[in-house]
Amino acid sequence: MSDATGTVTTNYGFKTLDDGDRAGYAGINELITSIDTNLEDDTFVADMIVLYPGATPPAGWTDFDSTITGLQASMAVTGYIWIKKN
């Protein structure tokens, strides 16, 4: 939270709130987004392959089904694709 004046957390570097800080929706949303980004970065590493619901991979991922012929068919999965982290 850019306008927080408290101490910084050890693991993710989030600023905490001091007694006089005001926690508005923008600051709280920034914190939530930061947590989401950090968890994504720490959970999914480059070249990781996962099964994803949908037909189009999200940003930062590549459709891996097309690189291995018959992967989805051999796994008997419908409505999902195999994706690889860029």
PDB file of N, CA and C in Angstrom:
ATOM      1  N   MET A   1       0.857  -1.173   0.000  1.00  0.00           N
ATOM      2  CA  MET A   1       0.000   0.000   0.000  1.00  0.00           C
ATOM      3  C   MET A   1       0.893   1.222   0.000  1.00  0.00           C
ATOM      4  N   SER A   2       0.851   1.939  -1.039  1.00  0.00           N
ATOM      5  CA  SER A   2       1.797   3.026  -1.243  1.00  0.00           C
ATOM      6  C   SER A   2       1.703   4.128  -0.192  1.00  0.00           C
ATOM      7  N   ASP A   3       0.521   4.365   0.375  1.00  0.00           N
ATOM      8  CA  ASP A   3       0.404   5.459   1.335  1.00  0.00           C
ATOM      9  C   ASP A   3       0.412   4.995   2.788  1.00  0.00           C
ATOM     10  N   ALA A   4       0.643   3.695   3.039  1.00  0.00           N
ATOM     11  CA  ALA A   4       0.721   3.190   4.405  1.00  0.00           C
ATOM     12  C   ALA A   4       2.065   3.587   5.010  1.00  0.00           C
ATOM     13  N   THR A   5       2.087   3.795   6.311  1.00  0.00           N
ATOM     14  CA  THR A   5       3.318   4.244   6.965  1.00  0.00           C
ATOM     15  C   THR A   5       3.838   3.259   8.000  1.00  0.00           C
ATOM     16  N   GLY A   6       3.228   2.086   8.086  1.00  0.00           N
ATOM     17  CA  GLY A   6       3.659   1.089   9.062  1.00  0.00           C
ATOM     18  C   GLY A   6       4.885   0.327   8.603  1.00  0.00           C
ATOM     19  N   THR A   7       5.200  -0.736   9.314  1.00  0.00           N
ATOM     20  CA  THR A   7       6.364  -1.557   8.991  1.00  0.00           C
ATOM     21  C   THR A   7       6.087  -2.398   7.745  1.00  0.00           C
ATOM     22  N   VAL A   8       7.134  -2.928   7.165  1.00  0.00           N
ATOM     23  CA  VAL A   8       7.030  -3.760   5.965  1.00  0.00           C
ATOM     24  C   VAL A   8       7.077  -5.223   6.388  1.00  0.00           C
ATOM     25  N   THR A   9       6.196  -6.063   5.814  1.00  0.00           N
ATOM     26  CA  THR A   9       6.167  -7.481   6.164  1.00  0.00           C
ATOM     27  C   THR A   9       7.411  -8.198   5.638  1.00  0.00           C
ATOM     28  N   THR A  10       7.776  -9.274   6.302  1.00  0.00           N
ATOM     29  CA  THR A  10       8.986 -10.022   5.985  1.00  0.00           C
ATOM     30  C   THR A  10       8.912 -10.757   4.657  1.00  0.00           C
ATOM     31  N   ASN A  11       7.815 -11.458   4.407  1.00  0.00           N
ATOM     32  CA  ASN A  11       7.761 -12.350   3.251  1.00  0.00           C
ATOM     33  C   ASN A  11       7.466 -11.665   1.928  1.00  0.00           C
ATOM     34  N   TYR A  12       6.489 -10.782   1.909  1.00  0.00           N
ATOM     35  CA  TYR A  12       6.078 -10.179   0.646  1.00  0.00           C
ATOM     36  C   TYR A  12       6.321  -8.689   0.558  1.00  0.00           C
ATOM     37  N   GLY A  13       6.794  -8.054   1.610  1.00  0.00           N
ATOM     38  CA  GLY A  13       7.101  -6.638   1.566  1.00  0.00           C
ATOM     39  C   GLY A  13       5.879  -5.732   1.555  1.00  0.00           C
ATOM     40  N   PHE A  14       4.763  -6.188   2.126  1.00  0.00           N
ATOM     41  CA  PHE A  14       3.583  -5.335   2.231  1.00  0.00           C
ATOM     42  C   PHE A  14       3.788  -4.329   3.360  1.00  0.00           C
ATOM     43  N   LYS A  15       3.349  -3.106   3.136  1.00  0.00           N
ATOM     44  CA  LYS A  15       3.382  -2.124   4.208  1.00  0.00           C
ATOM     45  C   LYS A  15       2.161  -2.326   5.098  1.00  0.00           C
ATOM     46  N   THR A  16       2.371  -2.240   6.394  1.00  0.00           N
ATOM     47  CA  THR A  16       1.257  -2.350   7.326  1.00  0.00           C
ATOM     48  C   THR A  16       0.720  -0.953   7.637  1.00  0.00           C
ATOM     49  N   LEU A  17      -0.426  -0.898   8.280  1.00  0.00           N
ATOM     50  CA  LEU A  17      -1.045   0.384   8.626  1.00  0.00           C
ATOM     51  C   LEU A  17      -0.644   0.798  10.039  1.00  0.00           C
ATOM     52  N   ASP A  18      -0.302   2.056  10.194  1.00  0.00           N
ATOM     53  CA  ASP A  18      -0.088   2.639  11.513  1.00  0.00           C
ATOM     54  C   ASP A  18      -1.428   3.139  12.035  1.00  0.00           C
ATOM     55  N   ASP A  19      -1.460   3.562  13.309  1.00  0.00           N
ATOM     56  CA  ASP A  19      -2.698   4.051  13.916  1.00  0.00           C
ATOM     57  C   ASP A  19      -3.341   5.188  13.132  1.00  0.00           C
ATOM     58  N   GLY A  20      -2.545   6.077  12.560  1.00  0.00           N
ATOM     59  CA  GLY A  20      -3.091   7.247  11.881  1.00  0.00           C
ATOM     60  C   GLY A  20      -3.379   7.048  10.404  1.00  0.00           C
ATOM     61  N   ASP A  21      -3.056   5.874   9.843  1.00  0.00           N
ATOM     62  CA  ASP A  21      -3.272   5.632   8.418  1.00  0.00           C
ATOM     63  C   ASP A  21      -4.745   5.444   8.100  1.00  0.00           C
ATOM     64  N   ARG A  22      -5.131   5.885   6.936  1.00  0.00           N
ATOM     65  CA  ARG A  22      -6.503   5.684   6.462  1.00  0.00           C
ATOM     66  C   ARG A  22      -6.485   4.576   5.420  1.00  0.00           C
ATOM     67  N   ALA A  23      -7.348   3.608   5.587  1.00  0.00           N
ATOM     68  CA  ALA A  23      -7.395   2.481   4.655  1.00  0.00           C
ATOM     69  C   ALA A  23      -8.604   2.640   3.744  1.00  0.00           C
ATOM     70  N   GLY A  24      -8.408   3.262   2.615  1.00  0.00           N
ATOM     71  CA  GLY A  24      -9.474   3.424   1.647  1.00  0.00           C
ATOM     72  C   GLY A  24      -9.531   2.232   0.712  1.00  0.00           C
ATOM     73  N   TYR A  25     -10.566   2.178  -0.117  1.00  0.00           N
ATOM     74  CA  TYR A  25     -10.735   1.037  -1.010  1.00  0.00           C
ATOM     75  C   TYR A  25      -9.574   0.909  -1.995  1.00  0.00           C
ATOM     76  N   ALA A  26      -8.989   2.019  -2.439  1.00  0.00           N
ATOM     77  CA  ALA A  26      -7.881   1.941  -3.395  1.00  0.00           C
ATOM     78  C   ALA A  26      -6.675   1.247  -2.771  1.00  0.00           C
ATOM     79  N   GLY A  27      -6.350   1.594  -1.517  1.00  0.00           N
ATOM     80  CA  GLY A  27      -5.226   0.962  -0.838  1.00  0.00           C
ATOM     81  C   GLY A  27      -5.467  -0.511  -0.574  1.00  0.00           C
ATOM     82  N   ILE A  28      -6.690  -0.850  -0.180  1.00  0.00           N
ATOM     83  CA  ILE A  28      -7.022  -2.250   0.091  1.00  0.00           C
ATOM     84  C   ILE A  28      -7.013  -3.051  -1.214  1.00  0.00           C
ATOM     85  N   ASN A  29      -7.546  -2.468  -2.295  1.00  0.00           N
ATOM     86  CA  ASN A  29      -7.521  -3.152  -3.600  1.00  0.00           C
ATOM     87  C   ASN A  29      -6.092  -3.360  -4.082  1.00  0.00           C
ATOM     88  N   GLU A  30      -5.223  -2.378  -3.829  1.00  0.00           N
ATOM     89  CA  GLU A  30      -3.814  -2.509  -4.201  1.00  0.00           C
ATOM     90  C   GLU A  30      -3.178  -3.680  -3.446  1.00  0.00           C
ATOM     91  N   LEU A  31      -3.506  -3.814  -2.169  1.00  0.00           N
ATOM     92  CA  LEU A  31      -2.987  -4.915  -1.372  1.00  0.00           C
ATOM     93  C   LEU A  31      -3.482  -6.253  -1.895  1.00  0.00           C
ATOM     94  N   ILE A  32      -4.760  -6.366  -2.200  1.00  0.00           N
ATOM     95  CA  ILE A  32      -5.330  -7.615  -2.720  1.00  0.00           C
ATOM     96  C   ILE A  32      -4.669  -7.990  -4.048  1.00  0.00           C
ATOM     97  N   THR A  33      -4.505  -7.014  -4.930  1.00  0.00           N
ATOM     98  CA  THR A  33      -3.859  -7.263  -6.220  1.00  0.00           C
ATOM     99  C   THR A  33      -2.419  -7.708  -6.023  1.00  0.00           C
ATOM    100  N   SER A  34      -1.726  -7.083  -5.085  1.00  0.00           N
ATOM    101  CA  SER A  34      -0.346  -7.442  -4.806  1.00  0.00           C
ATOM    102  C   SER A  34      -0.239  -8.870  -4.274  1.00  0.00           C
ATOM    103  N   ILE A  35      -1.139  -9.264  -3.398  1.00  0.00           N
ATOM    104  CA  ILE A  35      -1.156 -10.636  -2.879  1.00  0.00           C
ATOM    105  C   ILE A  35      -1.405 -11.616  -4.026  1.00  0.00           C
ATOM    106  N   ASP A  36      -2.382 -11.308  -4.872  1.00  0.00           N
ATOM    107  CA  ASP A  36      -2.707 -12.163  -6.010  1.00  0.00           C
ATOM    108  C   ASP A  36      -1.489 -12.340  -6.923  1.00  0.00           C
ATOM    109  N   THR A  37      -0.808 -11.246  -7.232  1.00  0.00           N
ATOM    110  CA  THR A  37       0.368 -11.293  -8.109  1.00  0.00           C
ATOM    111  C   THR A  37       1.494 -12.097  -7.480  1.00  0.00           C
ATOM    112  N   ASN A  38       1.761 -11.856  -6.198  1.00  0.00           N
ATOM    113  CA  ASN A  38       2.838 -12.583  -5.523  1.00  0.00           C
ATOM    114  C   ASN A  38       2.557 -14.075  -5.439  1.00  0.00           C
ATOM    115  N   LEU A  39       1.330 -14.451  -5.148  1.00  0.00           N
ATOM    116  CA  LEU A  39       0.990 -15.872  -5.091  1.00  0.00           C
ATOM    117  C   LEU A  39       1.115 -16.527  -6.459  1.00  0.00           C
ATOM    118  N   GLU A  40       0.677 -15.830  -7.497  1.00  0.00           N
ATOM    119  CA  GLU A  40       0.810 -16.348  -8.867  1.00  0.00           C
ATOM    120  C   GLU A  40       2.283 -16.555  -9.205  1.00  0.00           C
ATOM    121  N   ASP A  41       3.109 -15.561  -8.910  1.00  0.00           N
ATOM    122  CA  ASP A  41       4.533 -15.646  -9.229  1.00  0.00           C
ATOM    123  C   ASP A  41       5.235 -16.748  -8.446  1.00  0.00           C
ATOM    124  N   ASP A  42       4.824 -16.972  -7.201  1.00  0.00           N
ATOM    125  CA  ASP A  42       5.470 -17.979  -6.367  1.00  0.00           C
ATOM    126  C   ASP A  42       4.928 -19.388  -6.591  1.00  0.00           C
ATOM    127  N   THR A  43       3.713 -19.489  -7.107  1.00  0.00           N
ATOM    128  CA  THR A  43       3.087 -20.789  -7.293  1.00  0.00           C
ATOM    129  C   THR A  43       3.415 -21.391  -8.653  1.00  0.00           C
ATOM    130  N   PHE A  44       3.384 -20.562  -9.680  1.00  0.00           N
ATOM    131  CA  PHE A  44       3.593 -21.041 -11.041  1.00  0.00           C
ATOM    132  C   PHE A  44       4.957 -20.595 -11.535  1.00  0.00           C
ATOM    133  N   VAL A  45       5.802 -21.553 -11.899  1.00  0.00           N
ATOM    134  CA  VAL A  45       7.153 -21.244 -12.357  1.00  0.00           C
ATOM    135  C   VAL A  45       7.270 -21.510 -13.850  1.00  0.00           C
ATOM    136  N   ALA A  46       8.282 -20.939 -14.479  1.00  0.00           N
ATOM    137  CA  ALA A  46       8.489 -21.108 -15.912  1.00  0.00           C
ATOM    138  C   ALA A  46       8.553 -22.590 -16.283  1.00  0.00           C
ATOM    139  N   ASP A  47       7.933 -22.924 -17.402  1.00  0.00           N
ATOM    140  CA  ASP A  47       7.884 -24.272 -17.970  1.00  0.00           C
ATOM    141  C   ASP A  47       6.975 -25.242 -17.213  1.00  0.00           C
ATOM    142  N   MET A  48       6.249 -24.747 -16.219  1.00  0.00           N
ATOM    143  CA  MET A  48       5.286 -25.581 -15.502  1.00  0.00           C
ATOM    144  C   MET A  48       4.103 -25.873 -16.425  1.00  0.00           C
ATOM    145  N   ILE A  49       3.604 -27.095 -16.402  1.00  0.00           N
ATOM    146  CA  ILE A  49       2.471 -27.486 -17.231  1.00  0.00           C
ATOM    147  C   ILE A  49       1.298 -27.828 -16.323  1.00  0.00           C
ATOM    148  N   VAL A  50       0.132 -27.228 -16.590  1.00  0.00           N
ATOM    149  CA  VAL A  50      -1.062 -27.468 -15.794  1.00  0.00           C
ATOM    150  C   VAL A  50      -2.271 -27.640 -16.708  1.00  0.00           C
ATOM    151  N   LEU A  51      -3.308 -28.234 -16.168  1.00  0.00           N
ATOM    152  CA  LEU A  51      -4.578 -28.382 -16.863  1.00  0.00           C
ATOM    153  C   LEU A  51      -5.425 -27.167 -16.557  1.00  0.00           C
ATOM    154  N   TYR A  52      -5.935 -26.505 -17.596  1.00  0.00           N
ATOM    155  CA  TYR A  52      -6.629 -25.229 -17.447  1.00  0.00           C
ATOM    156  C   TYR A  52      -8.041 -25.320 -18.013  1.00  0.00           C
ATOM    157  N   PRO A  53      -9.045 -24.841 -17.262  1.00  0.00           N
ATOM    158  CA  PRO A  53     -10.413 -24.868 -17.790  1.00  0.00           C
ATOM    159  C   PRO A  53     -10.609 -23.783 -18.837  1.00  0.00           C
ATOM    160  N   GLY A  54     -11.028 -24.170 -20.022  1.00  0.00           N
ATOM    161  CA  GLY A  54     -11.257 -23.197 -21.079  1.00  0.00           C
ATOM    162  C   GLY A  54     -10.545 -23.576 -22.354  1.00  0.00           C
ATOM    163  N   ALA A  55     -10.635 -22.686 -23.332  1.00  0.00           N
ATOM    164  CA  ALA A  55     -10.047 -22.960 -24.641  1.00  0.00           C
ATOM    165  C   ALA A  55      -8.874 -22.043 -24.953  1.00  0.00           C
ATOM    166  N   THR A  56      -8.727 -20.961 -24.213  1.00  0.00           N
ATOM    167  CA  THR A  56      -7.670 -19.988 -24.477  1.00  0.00           C
ATOM    168  C   THR A  56      -6.825 -19.799 -23.226  1.00  0.00           C
ATOM    169  N   PRO A  57      -5.510 -19.947 -23.345  1.00  0.00           N
ATOM    170  CA  PRO A  57      -4.664 -19.766 -22.163  1.00  0.00           C
ATOM    171  C   PRO A  57      -4.635 -18.316 -21.699  1.00  0.00           C
ATOM    172  N   PRO A  58      -4.478 -18.087 -20.399  1.00  0.00           N
ATOM    173  CA  PRO A  58      -4.379 -16.717 -19.885  1.00  0.00           C
ATOM    174  C   PRO A  58      -3.034 -16.098 -20.279  1.00  0.00           C
ATOM    175  N   ALA A  59      -2.891 -14.801 -20.048  1.00  0.00           N
ATOM    176  CA  ALA A  59      -1.640 -14.100 -20.353  1.00  0.00           C
ATOM    177  C   ALA A  59      -0.475 -14.757 -19.610  1.00  0.00           C
ATOM    178  N   GLY A  60       0.635 -14.899 -20.298  1.00  0.00           N
ATOM    179  CA  GLY A  60       1.824 -15.487 -19.699  1.00  0.00           C
ATOM    180  C   GLY A  60       1.893 -17.003 -19.814  1.00  0.00           C
ATOM    181  N   TRP A  61       0.910 -17.588 -20.495  1.00  0.00           N
ATOM    182  CA  TRP A  61       0.850 -19.039 -20.672  1.00  0.00           C
ATOM    183  C   TRP A  61       0.726 -19.360 -22.157  1.00  0.00           C
ATOM    184  N   THR A  62       1.145 -20.558 -22.559  1.00  0.00           N
ATOM    185  CA  THR A  62       1.066 -21.018 -23.936  1.00  0.00           C
ATOM    186  C   THR A  62       0.247 -22.298 -23.977  1.00  0.00           C
ATOM    187  N   ASP A  63      -0.551 -22.447 -25.029  1.00  0.00           N
ATOM    188  CA  ASP A  63      -1.318 -23.677 -25.230  1.00  0.00           C
ATOM    189  C   ASP A  63      -0.331 -24.811 -25.474  1.00  0.00           C
ATOM    190  N   PHE A  64      -0.339 -25.794 -24.611  1.00  0.00           N
ATOM    191  CA  PHE A  64       0.601 -26.914 -24.706  1.00  0.00           C
ATOM    192  C   PHE A  64      -0.026 -28.112 -25.404  1.00  0.00           C
ATOM    193  N   ASP A  65      -1.371 -28.132 -25.514  1.00  0.00           N
ATOM    194  CA  ASP A  65      -2.058 -29.232 -26.198  1.00  0.00           C
ATOM    195  C   ASP A  65      -1.553 -29.412 -27.618  1.00  0.00           C
ATOM    196  N   SER A  66      -1.362 -28.293 -28.324  1.00  0.00           N
ATOM    197  CA  SER A  66      -1.003 -28.379 -29.728  1.00  0.00           C
ATOM    198  C   SER A  66       0.430 -28.856 -29.949  1.00  0.00           C
ATOM    199  N   THR A  67       1.266 -28.797 -28.936  1.00  0.00           N
ATOM    200  CA  THR A  67       2.652 -29.222 -29.105  1.00  0.00           C
ATOM    201  C   THR A  67       2.846 -30.719 -28.889  1.00  0.00           C
ATOM    202  N   ILE A  68       1.903 -31.344 -28.225  1.00  0.00           N
ATOM    203  CA  ILE A  68       1.972 -32.796 -28.029  1.00  0.00           C
ATOM    204  C   ILE A  68       0.711 -33.408 -28.633  1.00  0.00           C
ATOM    205  N   THR A  69       0.847 -34.090 -29.734  1.00  0.00           N
ATOM    206  CA  THR A  69      -0.288 -34.656 -30.444  1.00  0.00           C
ATOM    207  C   THR A  69      -1.062 -35.619 -29.568  1.00  0.00           C
ATOM    208  N   GLY A  70      -2.352 -35.353 -29.445  1.00  0.00           N
ATOM    209  CA  GLY A  70      -3.245 -36.266 -28.742  1.00  0.00           C
ATOM    210  C   GLY A  70      -3.163 -36.217 -27.231  1.00  0.00           C
ATOM    211  N   LEU A  71      -2.508 -35.241 -26.663  1.00  0.00           N
ATOM    212  CA  LEU A  71      -2.385 -35.202 -25.204  1.00  0.00           C
ATOM    213  C   LEU A  71      -3.748 -35.123 -24.537  1.00  0.00           C
ATOM    214  N   GLN A  72      -4.578 -34.179 -24.975  1.00  0.00           N
ATOM    215  CA  GLN A  72      -5.888 -34.029 -24.348  1.00  0.00           C
ATOM    216  C   GLN A  72      -6.735 -35.273 -24.567  1.00  0.00           C
ATOM    217  N   ALA A  73      -6.714 -35.819 -25.776  1.00  0.00           N
ATOM    218  CA  ALA A  73      -7.513 -37.014 -26.064  1.00  0.00           C
ATOM    219  C   ALA A  73      -7.046 -38.194 -25.210  1.00  0.00           C
ATOM    220  N   SER A  74      -5.733 -38.309 -25.033  1.00  0.00           N
ATOM    221  CA  SER A  74      -5.226 -39.439 -24.256  1.00  0.00           C
ATOM    222  C   SER A  74      -5.557 -39.301 -22.772  1.00  0.00           C
ATOM    223  N   MET A  75      -5.779 -38.086 -22.316  1.00  0.00           N
ATOM    224  CA  MET A  75      -6.123 -37.862 -20.916  1.00  0.00           C
ATOM    225  C   MET A  75      -7.632 -37.886 -20.694  1.00  0.00           C
ATOM    226  N   ALA A  76      -8.409 -37.995 -21.762  1.00  0.00           N
ATOM    227  CA  ALA A  76      -9.875 -38.056 -21.696  1.00  0.00           C
ATOM    228  C   ALA A  76     -10.458 -36.863 -20.948  1.00  0.00           C
ATOM    229  N   VAL A  77      -9.997 -35.678 -21.299  1.00  0.00           N
ATOM    230  CA  VAL A  77     -10.440 -34.452 -20.651  1.00  0.00           C
ATOM    231  C   VAL A  77     -11.154 -33.586 -21.683  1.00  0.00           C
ATOM    232  N   THR A  78     -12.341 -33.107 -21.351  1.00  0.00           N
ATOM    233  CA  THR A  78     -13.036 -32.184 -22.241  1.00  0.00           C
ATOM    234  C   THR A  78     -13.280 -30.874 -21.513  1.00  0.00           C
ATOM    235  N   GLY A  79     -13.216 -29.776 -22.256  1.00  0.00           N
ATOM    236  CA  GLY A  79     -13.428 -28.472 -21.662  1.00  0.00           C
ATOM    237  C   GLY A  79     -12.197 -27.888 -20.987  1.00  0.00           C
ATOM    238  N   TYR A  80     -11.084 -28.578 -21.101  1.00  0.00           N
ATOM    239  CA  TYR A  80      -9.822 -28.134 -20.501  1.00  0.00           C
ATOM    240  C   TYR A  80      -8.723 -28.205 -21.547  1.00  0.00           C
ATOM    241  N   ILE A  81      -7.670 -27.419 -21.353  1.00  0.00           N
ATOM    242  CA  ILE A  81      -6.487 -27.517 -22.180  1.00  0.00           C
ATOM    243  C   ILE A  81      -5.254 -27.592 -21.292  1.00  0.00           C
ATOM    244  N   TRP A  82      -4.199 -28.176 -21.807  1.00  0.00           N
ATOM    245  CA  TRP A  82      -2.916 -28.177 -21.117  1.00  0.00           C
ATOM    246  C   TRP A  82      -2.198 -26.896 -21.489  1.00  0.00           C
ATOM    247  N   ILE A  83      -1.704 -26.166 -20.500  1.00  0.00           N
ATOM    248  CA  ILE A  83      -0.992 -24.932 -20.766  1.00  0.00           C
ATOM    249  C   ILE A  83       0.373 -24.963 -20.086  1.00  0.00           C
ATOM    250  N   LYS A  84       1.301 -24.192 -20.660  1.00  0.00           N
ATOM    251  CA  LYS A  84       2.665 -24.139 -20.149  1.00  0.00           C
ATOM    252  C   LYS A  84       3.010 -22.703 -19.803  1.00  0.00           C
ATOM    253  N   LYS A  85       3.571 -22.479 -18.612  1.00  0.00           N
ATOM    254  CA  LYS A  85       3.965 -21.145 -18.160  1.00  0.00           C
ATOM    255  C   LYS A  85       5.150 -20.652 -18.976  1.00  0.00           C
ATOM    256  N   ASN A  86       5.040 -19.429 -19.498  1.00  0.00           N
ATOM    257  CA  ASN A  86       6.131 -18.842 -20.296  1.00  0.00           C
ATOM    258  C   ASN A  86       7.298 -18.463 -19.407  1.00  0.00           C
TER     259      ASN A  86
END
